[in-house]
Amino acid sequence: LPFSGLCVALTLKHAQDDLQIVDRLDRLPAEADAQFLQDLADTRNWGYSVLFVNDTDEISGGLVTAIEQLPSFTAMPVYGLNCFSLLKYDTVVFSRSAIDLLEERLLKQLHRAGPLNKKYRYMDYKERILNEGEKEDDPIYPPIV
């Protein structure tokens, strides 16, 4: 349940063709400036605002220096990703390692067995709940059977 909103936001971005996957985010030339990144976004029809998602919080290369000059472009690690961030930006660009990590987290959450709170499982208390009032018949108001 905690990742349902993230799945919906990713599905929406994919359906609108606003989800891009690249091999690595640090492949951008070190001398790349903001205009180069803006031209790259224009030629690929990424829109006005772009979110770059990496698997770690460190991005080397010219991407960080180019993003610092553009207020509508942002870089974020995959552990900080949320629904609002996905829907706020026109295009989301994932590195391959980030999408693999996100896929692993989402599939683990969706296919795990057991509840979130293992302390109070219904099956553990089912017999106790059903047999709770068995010996407590009220003499004035008998149970309706």
N, C-alpha and C. Protein backbone atom coordinates (compact mmCIF):
# COMPACT_ATOMS: atom_id res chain seq x y z
N LEU A 1 0.80 -1.21 0.00
CA LEU A 1 0.00 0.00 0.00
C LEU A 1 0.84 1.27 0.00
N PRO A 2 2.00 1.31 0.66
CA PRO A 2 2.77 2.56 0.64
C PRO A 2 3.29 2.92 -0.74
N PHE A 3 3.48 1.93 -1.61
CA PHE A 3 4.05 2.21 -2.92
C PHE A 3 2.99 2.26 -4.02
N SER A 4 1.71 2.20 -3.68
CA SER A 4 0.66 2.22 -4.69
C SER A 4 0.64 3.54 -5.44
N GLY A 5 0.79 4.64 -4.73
CA GLY A 5 0.80 5.95 -5.38
C GLY A 5 1.99 6.10 -6.31
N LEU A 6 3.12 5.57 -5.91
CA LEU A 6 4.32 5.62 -6.75
C LEU A 6 4.12 4.80 -8.02
N CYS A 7 3.48 3.66 -7.90
CA CYS A 7 3.19 2.83 -9.08
C CYS A 7 2.24 3.55 -10.03
N VAL A 8 1.23 4.21 -9.49
CA VAL A 8 0.28 4.94 -10.33
C VAL A 8 0.97 6.10 -11.04
N ALA A 9 1.82 6.83 -10.32
CA ALA A 9 2.52 7.96 -10.92
C ALA A 9 3.49 7.49 -12.01
N LEU A 10 4.19 6.38 -11.78
CA LEU A 10 5.08 5.84 -12.80
C LEU A 10 4.30 5.35 -14.02
N THR A 11 3.15 4.73 -13.79
CA THR A 11 2.31 4.28 -14.89
C THR A 11 1.80 5.45 -15.71
N LEU A 12 1.42 6.51 -15.04
CA LEU A 12 0.95 7.72 -15.73
C LEU A 12 2.05 8.33 -16.58
N LYS A 13 3.25 8.45 -16.04
CA LYS A 13 4.37 9.00 -16.79
C LYS A 13 4.72 8.11 -17.99
N HIS A 14 4.65 6.81 -17.79
CA HIS A 14 4.94 5.89 -18.90
C HIS A 14 3.87 5.99 -19.99
N ALA A 15 2.61 6.08 -19.60
CA ALA A 15 1.52 6.18 -20.57
C ALA A 15 1.59 7.49 -21.36
N GLN A 16 2.06 8.55 -20.74
CA GLN A 16 2.18 9.84 -21.41
C GLN A 16 3.51 9.97 -22.16
N ASP A 17 4.33 8.94 -22.14
CA ASP A 17 5.65 8.92 -22.77
C ASP A 17 6.56 9.99 -22.18
N ASP A 18 6.45 10.21 -20.90
CA ASP A 18 7.28 11.18 -20.18
C ASP A 18 8.28 10.51 -19.26
N LEU A 19 8.50 9.23 -19.43
CA LEU A 19 9.45 8.47 -18.63
C LEU A 19 10.58 8.01 -19.54
N GLN A 20 11.78 8.49 -19.27
CA GLN A 20 12.93 8.17 -20.11
C GLN A 20 13.95 7.40 -19.28
N ILE A 21 14.62 6.45 -19.91
CA ILE A 21 15.66 5.67 -19.24
C ILE A 21 16.95 5.80 -20.04
N VAL A 22 18.01 6.19 -19.36
CA VAL A 22 19.33 6.32 -19.99
C VAL A 22 20.28 5.35 -19.29
N ASP A 23 21.39 5.06 -19.95
CA ASP A 23 22.36 4.12 -19.36
C ASP A 23 22.94 4.67 -18.07
N ARG A 24 23.53 5.85 -18.15
CA ARG A 24 24.14 6.46 -16.97
C ARG A 24 23.96 7.97 -17.06
N LEU A 25 23.83 8.61 -15.92
CA LEU A 25 23.66 10.06 -15.90
C LEU A 25 24.99 10.80 -15.92
N ASP A 26 26.08 10.12 -15.64
CA ASP A 26 27.37 10.81 -15.60
C ASP A 26 28.08 10.81 -16.95
N ARG A 27 27.40 10.43 -18.01
CA ARG A 27 28.00 10.43 -19.35
C ARG A 27 27.99 11.81 -20.00
N LEU A 28 27.33 12.77 -19.41
CA LEU A 28 27.29 14.12 -19.96
C LEU A 28 28.70 14.71 -19.89
N PRO A 29 29.15 15.40 -20.93
CA PRO A 29 30.50 15.97 -20.91
C PRO A 29 30.70 16.93 -19.75
N ALA A 30 31.91 16.97 -19.22
CA ALA A 30 32.21 17.83 -18.07
C ALA A 30 32.09 19.30 -18.41
N GLU A 31 32.30 19.66 -19.67
CA GLU A 31 32.20 21.07 -20.06
C GLU A 31 30.78 21.46 -20.48
N ALA A 32 29.81 20.58 -20.26
CA ALA A 32 28.42 20.88 -20.63
C ALA A 32 27.89 22.01 -19.76
N ASP A 33 27.18 22.92 -20.40
CA ASP A 33 26.60 24.04 -19.67
C ASP A 33 25.08 23.92 -19.68
N ALA A 34 24.43 24.91 -19.12
CA ALA A 34 22.97 24.88 -19.02
C ALA A 34 22.31 24.92 -20.39
N GLN A 35 22.89 25.66 -21.31
CA GLN A 35 22.32 25.76 -22.66
C GLN A 35 22.37 24.41 -23.38
N PHE A 36 23.44 23.65 -23.17
CA PHE A 36 23.55 22.32 -23.76
C PHE A 36 22.44 21.42 -23.24
N LEU A 37 22.19 21.46 -21.95
CA LEU A 37 21.14 20.64 -21.34
C LEU A 37 19.76 21.09 -21.81
N GLN A 38 19.56 22.39 -21.94
CA GLN A 38 18.29 22.92 -22.42
C GLN A 38 18.05 22.50 -23.88
N ASP A 39 19.09 22.57 -24.70
CA ASP A 39 18.96 22.13 -26.10
C ASP A 39 18.69 20.63 -26.18
N LEU A 40 19.33 19.85 -25.31
CA LEU A 40 19.09 18.42 -25.26
C LEU A 40 17.63 18.12 -24.91
N ALA A 41 17.10 18.84 -23.95
CA ALA A 41 15.70 18.66 -23.56
C ALA A 41 14.75 19.09 -24.68
N ASP A 42 15.11 20.14 -25.41
CA ASP A 42 14.25 20.60 -26.51
C ASP A 42 14.24 19.61 -27.67
N THR A 43 15.39 19.08 -28.03
CA THR A 43 15.45 18.15 -29.16
C THR A 43 14.77 16.82 -28.84
N ARG A 44 14.76 16.44 -27.58
CA ARG A 44 14.11 15.18 -27.20
C ARG A 44 12.68 15.36 -26.71
N ASN A 45 12.17 16.58 -26.79
CA ASN A 45 10.79 16.91 -26.38
C ASN A 45 10.52 16.51 -24.93
N TRP A 46 11.42 16.88 -24.04
CA TRP A 46 11.28 16.57 -22.63
C TRP A 46 10.41 17.58 -21.90
N GLY A 47 10.16 18.71 -22.46
CA GLY A 47 9.33 19.70 -21.80
C GLY A 47 10.15 20.71 -21.01
N TYR A 48 9.43 21.53 -20.25
CA TYR A 48 10.06 22.63 -19.52
C TYR A 48 10.82 22.16 -18.29
N SER A 49 10.28 21.20 -17.57
CA SER A 49 10.91 20.75 -16.32
C SER A 49 11.26 19.26 -16.42
N VAL A 50 12.45 18.94 -15.95
CA VAL A 50 12.96 17.56 -16.05
C VAL A 50 13.51 17.15 -14.69
N LEU A 51 13.18 15.93 -14.28
CA LEU A 51 13.71 15.35 -13.05
C LEU A 51 14.64 14.20 -13.43
N PHE A 52 15.89 14.28 -12.99
CA PHE A 52 16.87 13.23 -13.23
C PHE A 52 16.98 12.39 -11.96
N VAL A 53 16.81 11.07 -12.08
CA VAL A 53 16.84 10.18 -10.92
C VAL A 53 18.01 9.22 -11.07
N ASN A 54 18.87 9.20 -10.05
CA ASN A 54 20.05 8.34 -10.04
C ASN A 54 19.95 7.35 -8.89
N ASP A 55 20.72 6.28 -8.94
CA ASP A 55 20.65 5.27 -7.87
C ASP A 55 21.34 5.72 -6.59
N THR A 56 22.30 6.62 -6.68
CA THR A 56 22.97 7.15 -5.49
C THR A 56 22.77 8.66 -5.43
N ASP A 57 23.21 9.25 -4.34
CA ASP A 57 23.05 10.70 -4.22
C ASP A 57 24.23 11.46 -4.80
N GLU A 58 25.15 10.78 -5.45
CA GLU A 58 26.29 11.43 -6.09
C GLU A 58 26.22 11.25 -7.60
N ILE A 59 26.30 12.37 -8.31
CA ILE A 59 26.31 12.35 -9.77
C ILE A 59 27.56 13.09 -10.21
N SER A 60 28.43 12.40 -10.90
CA SER A 60 29.64 13.05 -11.39
C SER A 60 29.40 13.51 -12.83
N GLY A 61 30.33 14.27 -13.35
CA GLY A 61 30.19 14.75 -14.72
C GLY A 61 29.61 16.15 -14.76
N GLY A 62 29.18 16.56 -15.93
CA GLY A 62 28.71 17.92 -16.12
C GLY A 62 27.24 18.12 -15.83
N LEU A 63 26.53 17.07 -15.44
CA LEU A 63 25.09 17.20 -15.21
C LEU A 63 24.79 18.12 -14.04
N VAL A 64 25.52 17.99 -12.96
CA VAL A 64 25.25 18.79 -11.77
C VAL A 64 25.51 20.27 -12.02
N THR A 65 26.60 20.58 -12.71
CA THR A 65 26.91 21.99 -12.98
C THR A 65 25.90 22.60 -13.94
N ALA A 66 25.38 21.80 -14.88
CA ALA A 66 24.37 22.32 -15.79
C ALA A 66 23.02 22.49 -15.10
N ILE A 67 22.69 21.57 -14.20
CA ILE A 67 21.40 21.65 -13.50
C ILE A 67 21.36 22.83 -12.53
N GLU A 68 22.49 23.16 -11.94
CA GLU A 68 22.52 24.27 -10.97
C GLU A 68 22.08 25.59 -11.59
N GLN A 69 22.26 25.75 -12.89
CA GLN A 69 21.90 27.00 -13.55
C GLN A 69 20.47 27.01 -14.06
N LEU A 70 19.80 25.85 -14.07
CA LEU A 70 18.43 25.76 -14.56
C LEU A 70 17.49 25.47 -13.39
N PRO A 71 16.60 26.38 -13.06
CA PRO A 71 15.73 26.16 -11.89
C PRO A 71 14.68 25.08 -12.10
N SER A 72 14.34 24.76 -13.34
CA SER A 72 13.29 23.77 -13.59
C SER A 72 13.84 22.36 -13.78
N PHE A 73 15.15 22.19 -13.67
CA PHE A 73 15.77 20.87 -13.79
C PHE A 73 16.30 20.48 -12.41
N THR A 74 16.07 19.22 -12.03
CA THR A 74 16.47 18.75 -10.70
C THR A 74 17.03 17.34 -10.80
N ALA A 75 17.99 17.05 -9.95
CA ALA A 75 18.51 15.68 -9.81
C ALA A 75 18.17 15.17 -8.42
N MET A 76 17.82 13.89 -8.34
CA MET A 76 17.37 13.31 -7.08
C MET A 76 17.81 11.85 -7.01
N PRO A 77 18.17 11.37 -5.82
CA PRO A 77 18.44 9.93 -5.68
C PRO A 77 17.14 9.14 -5.65
N VAL A 78 17.22 7.86 -5.94
CA VAL A 78 16.01 7.04 -6.03
C VAL A 78 15.33 6.88 -4.66
N TYR A 79 16.09 6.96 -3.57
CA TYR A 79 15.46 6.80 -2.26
C TYR A 79 14.64 8.03 -1.86
N GLY A 80 14.77 9.14 -2.54
CA GLY A 80 13.97 10.33 -2.25
C GLY A 80 12.78 10.48 -3.17
N LEU A 81 12.56 9.52 -4.04
CA LEU A 81 11.50 9.62 -5.04
C LEU A 81 10.13 9.47 -4.39
N ASN A 82 9.19 10.32 -4.78
CA ASN A 82 7.82 10.23 -4.28
C ASN A 82 6.85 10.63 -5.39
N CYS A 83 5.56 10.47 -5.12
CA CYS A 83 4.53 10.75 -6.13
C CYS A 83 4.54 12.20 -6.55
N PHE A 84 4.65 13.10 -5.60
CA PHE A 84 4.62 14.52 -5.91
C PHE A 84 5.76 14.91 -6.85
N SER A 85 6.94 14.40 -6.59
CA SER A 85 8.09 14.71 -7.45
C SER A 85 7.89 14.18 -8.86
N LEU A 86 7.32 13.00 -8.98
CA LEU A 86 7.08 12.44 -10.31
C LEU A 86 6.07 13.25 -11.10
N LEU A 87 5.02 13.70 -10.44
CA LEU A 87 3.96 14.42 -11.14
C LEU A 87 4.27 15.90 -11.33
N LYS A 88 5.19 16.43 -10.56
CA LYS A 88 5.53 17.85 -10.63
C LYS A 88 6.29 18.18 -11.92
N TYR A 89 7.13 17.27 -12.37
CA TYR A 89 7.99 17.53 -13.52
C TYR A 89 7.37 16.97 -14.80
N ASP A 90 7.66 17.64 -15.92
CA ASP A 90 7.13 17.20 -17.21
C ASP A 90 7.70 15.84 -17.61
N THR A 91 8.99 15.66 -17.42
CA THR A 91 9.66 14.43 -17.83
C THR A 91 10.54 13.93 -16.69
N VAL A 92 10.59 12.62 -16.53
CA VAL A 92 11.45 11.99 -15.53
C VAL A 92 12.46 11.12 -16.27
N VAL A 93 13.74 11.36 -16.01
CA VAL A 93 14.82 10.61 -16.66
C VAL A 93 15.51 9.76 -15.59
N PHE A 94 15.43 8.45 -15.75
CA PHE A 94 16.05 7.50 -14.82
C PHE A 94 17.35 6.98 -15.41
N SER A 95 18.33 6.75 -14.55
CA SER A 95 19.49 5.96 -14.97
C SER A 95 19.09 4.49 -14.91
N ARG A 96 19.78 3.66 -15.64
CA ARG A 96 19.43 2.24 -15.69
C ARG A 96 19.54 1.60 -14.31
N SER A 97 20.56 1.95 -13.57
CA SER A 97 20.73 1.38 -12.23
C SER A 97 19.63 1.86 -11.28
N ALA A 98 19.15 3.09 -11.47
CA ALA A 98 18.08 3.61 -10.62
C ALA A 98 16.77 2.89 -10.90
N ILE A 99 16.48 2.63 -12.16
CA ILE A 99 15.23 1.94 -12.49
C ILE A 99 15.28 0.49 -12.03
N ASP A 100 16.46 -0.13 -12.06
CA ASP A 100 16.59 -1.50 -11.53
C ASP A 100 16.37 -1.53 -10.02
N LEU A 101 16.92 -0.56 -9.32
CA LEU A 101 16.74 -0.49 -7.87
C LEU A 101 15.28 -0.21 -7.51
N LEU A 102 14.64 0.69 -8.25
CA LEU A 102 13.24 1.00 -8.00
C LEU A 102 12.35 -0.20 -8.30
N GLU A 103 12.65 -0.91 -9.37
CA GLU A 103 11.89 -2.11 -9.71
C GLU A 103 12.01 -3.16 -8.61
N GLU A 104 13.20 -3.34 -8.10
CA GLU A 104 13.41 -4.30 -7.01
C GLU A 104 12.61 -3.92 -5.77
N ARG A 105 12.63 -2.64 -5.41
CA ARG A 105 11.88 -2.18 -4.24
C ARG A 105 10.38 -2.35 -4.42
N LEU A 106 9.86 -1.99 -5.60
CA LEU A 106 8.43 -2.09 -5.83
C LEU A 106 7.96 -3.54 -5.88
N LEU A 107 8.71 -4.40 -6.55
CA LEU A 107 8.32 -5.81 -6.62
C LEU A 107 8.41 -6.48 -5.26
N LYS A 108 9.39 -6.12 -4.47
CA LYS A 108 9.50 -6.68 -3.12
C LYS A 108 8.30 -6.27 -2.28
N GLN A 109 7.87 -5.04 -2.42
CA GLN A 109 6.73 -4.55 -1.66
C GLN A 109 5.42 -5.18 -2.13
N LEU A 110 5.26 -5.33 -3.44
CA LEU A 110 4.01 -5.84 -3.99
C LEU A 110 3.83 -7.34 -3.76
N HIS A 111 4.92 -8.10 -3.73
CA HIS A 111 4.82 -9.55 -3.67
C HIS A 111 5.24 -10.15 -2.34
N ARG A 112 5.32 -9.36 -1.33
CA ARG A 112 5.72 -9.94 -0.05
C ARG A 112 4.51 -10.57 0.63
N ALA A 113 4.79 -11.57 1.44
CA ALA A 113 3.73 -12.27 2.15
C ALA A 113 3.66 -11.75 3.57
N GLY A 114 2.49 -11.47 4.04
CA GLY A 114 2.33 -11.03 5.41
C GLY A 114 1.98 -9.56 5.51
N PRO A 115 1.40 -9.18 6.60
CA PRO A 115 1.00 -7.79 6.79
C PRO A 115 2.18 -6.91 7.17
N LEU A 116 1.96 -5.61 7.15
CA LEU A 116 3.00 -4.68 7.56
C LEU A 116 3.28 -4.80 9.05
N ASN A 117 2.23 -4.96 9.84
CA ASN A 117 2.39 -5.06 11.27
C ASN A 117 2.22 -6.52 11.68
N LYS A 118 3.31 -7.22 11.88
CA LYS A 118 3.25 -8.65 12.18
C LYS A 118 2.88 -8.92 13.63
N LYS A 119 2.80 -7.89 14.43
CA LYS A 119 2.49 -8.09 15.84
C LYS A 119 1.03 -8.51 16.02
N TYR A 120 0.12 -7.96 15.23
CA TYR A 120 -1.30 -8.24 15.37
C TYR A 120 -1.85 -8.85 14.09
N ARG A 121 -1.51 -10.08 13.84
CA ARG A 121 -2.06 -10.77 12.68
C ARG A 121 -3.42 -11.35 13.05
N TYR A 122 -4.38 -11.24 12.16
CA TYR A 122 -5.73 -11.72 12.42
C TYR A 122 -5.74 -13.23 12.66
N MET A 123 -4.97 -13.96 11.90
CA MET A 123 -4.98 -15.42 12.03
C MET A 123 -4.50 -15.88 13.40
N ASP A 124 -3.61 -15.12 14.02
CA ASP A 124 -3.13 -15.49 15.35
C ASP A 124 -4.21 -15.31 16.41
N TYR A 125 -5.10 -14.36 16.21
CA TYR A 125 -6.11 -14.03 17.21
C TYR A 125 -7.51 -14.48 16.80
N LYS A 126 -7.65 -15.18 15.70
CA LYS A 126 -8.97 -15.56 15.19
C LYS A 126 -9.74 -16.43 16.18
N GLU A 127 -9.12 -17.50 16.66
CA GLU A 127 -9.79 -18.39 17.60
C GLU A 127 -10.16 -17.66 18.89
N ARG A 128 -9.27 -16.85 19.36
CA ARG A 128 -9.51 -16.11 20.60
C ARG A 128 -10.69 -15.15 20.45
N ILE A 129 -10.77 -14.48 19.32
CA ILE A 129 -11.86 -13.53 19.09
C ILE A 129 -13.18 -14.25 18.95
N LEU A 130 -13.20 -15.37 18.21
CA LEU A 130 -14.45 -16.09 18.00
C LEU A 130 -14.94 -16.78 19.26
N ASN A 131 -14.05 -17.19 20.15
CA ASN A 131 -14.45 -17.88 21.37
C ASN A 131 -14.51 -16.96 22.58
N GLU A 132 -14.41 -15.68 22.36
CA GLU A 132 -14.32 -14.74 23.47
C GLU A 132 -15.56 -14.73 24.37
N GLY A 133 -16.73 -14.73 23.83
CA GLY A 133 -17.93 -14.64 24.64
C GLY A 133 -18.69 -15.93 24.74
N GLU A 134 -18.03 -17.05 24.54
CA GLU A 134 -18.69 -18.34 24.51
C GLU A 134 -19.31 -18.73 25.86
N LYS A 135 -18.63 -18.46 26.95
CA LYS A 135 -19.11 -18.89 28.27
C LYS A 135 -19.76 -17.75 29.04
N GLU A 136 -20.10 -16.70 28.38
CA GLU A 136 -20.67 -15.54 29.06
C GLU A 136 -22.12 -15.32 28.65
N ASP A 137 -22.96 -16.32 28.87
CA ASP A 137 -24.38 -16.18 28.55
C ASP A 137 -25.06 -15.32 29.60
N ASP A 138 -25.83 -14.37 29.15
CA ASP A 138 -26.56 -13.48 30.04
C ASP A 138 -27.89 -14.14 30.41
N PRO A 139 -28.20 -14.29 31.74
CA PRO A 139 -29.44 -14.97 32.13
C PRO A 139 -30.70 -14.17 31.76
N ILE A 140 -30.59 -12.87 31.68
CA ILE A 140 -31.77 -12.06 31.37
C ILE A 140 -32.02 -12.00 29.86
N TYR A 141 -30.95 -11.83 29.10
CA TYR A 141 -31.07 -11.71 27.65
C TYR A 141 -30.35 -12.89 26.99
N PRO A 142 -31.06 -13.97 26.75
CA PRO A 142 -30.40 -15.12 26.12
C PRO A 142 -30.05 -14.79 24.66
N PRO A 143 -29.01 -15.41 24.15
CA PRO A 143 -28.63 -15.14 22.76
C PRO A 143 -29.69 -15.63 21.78
N ILE A 144 -29.85 -14.90 20.71
CA ILE A 144 -30.80 -15.28 19.67
C ILE A 144 -30.08 -16.23 18.72
N VAL A 145 -30.67 -17.39 18.56
CA VAL A 145 -30.04 -18.39 17.71
C VAL A 145 -30.89 -18.68 16.51
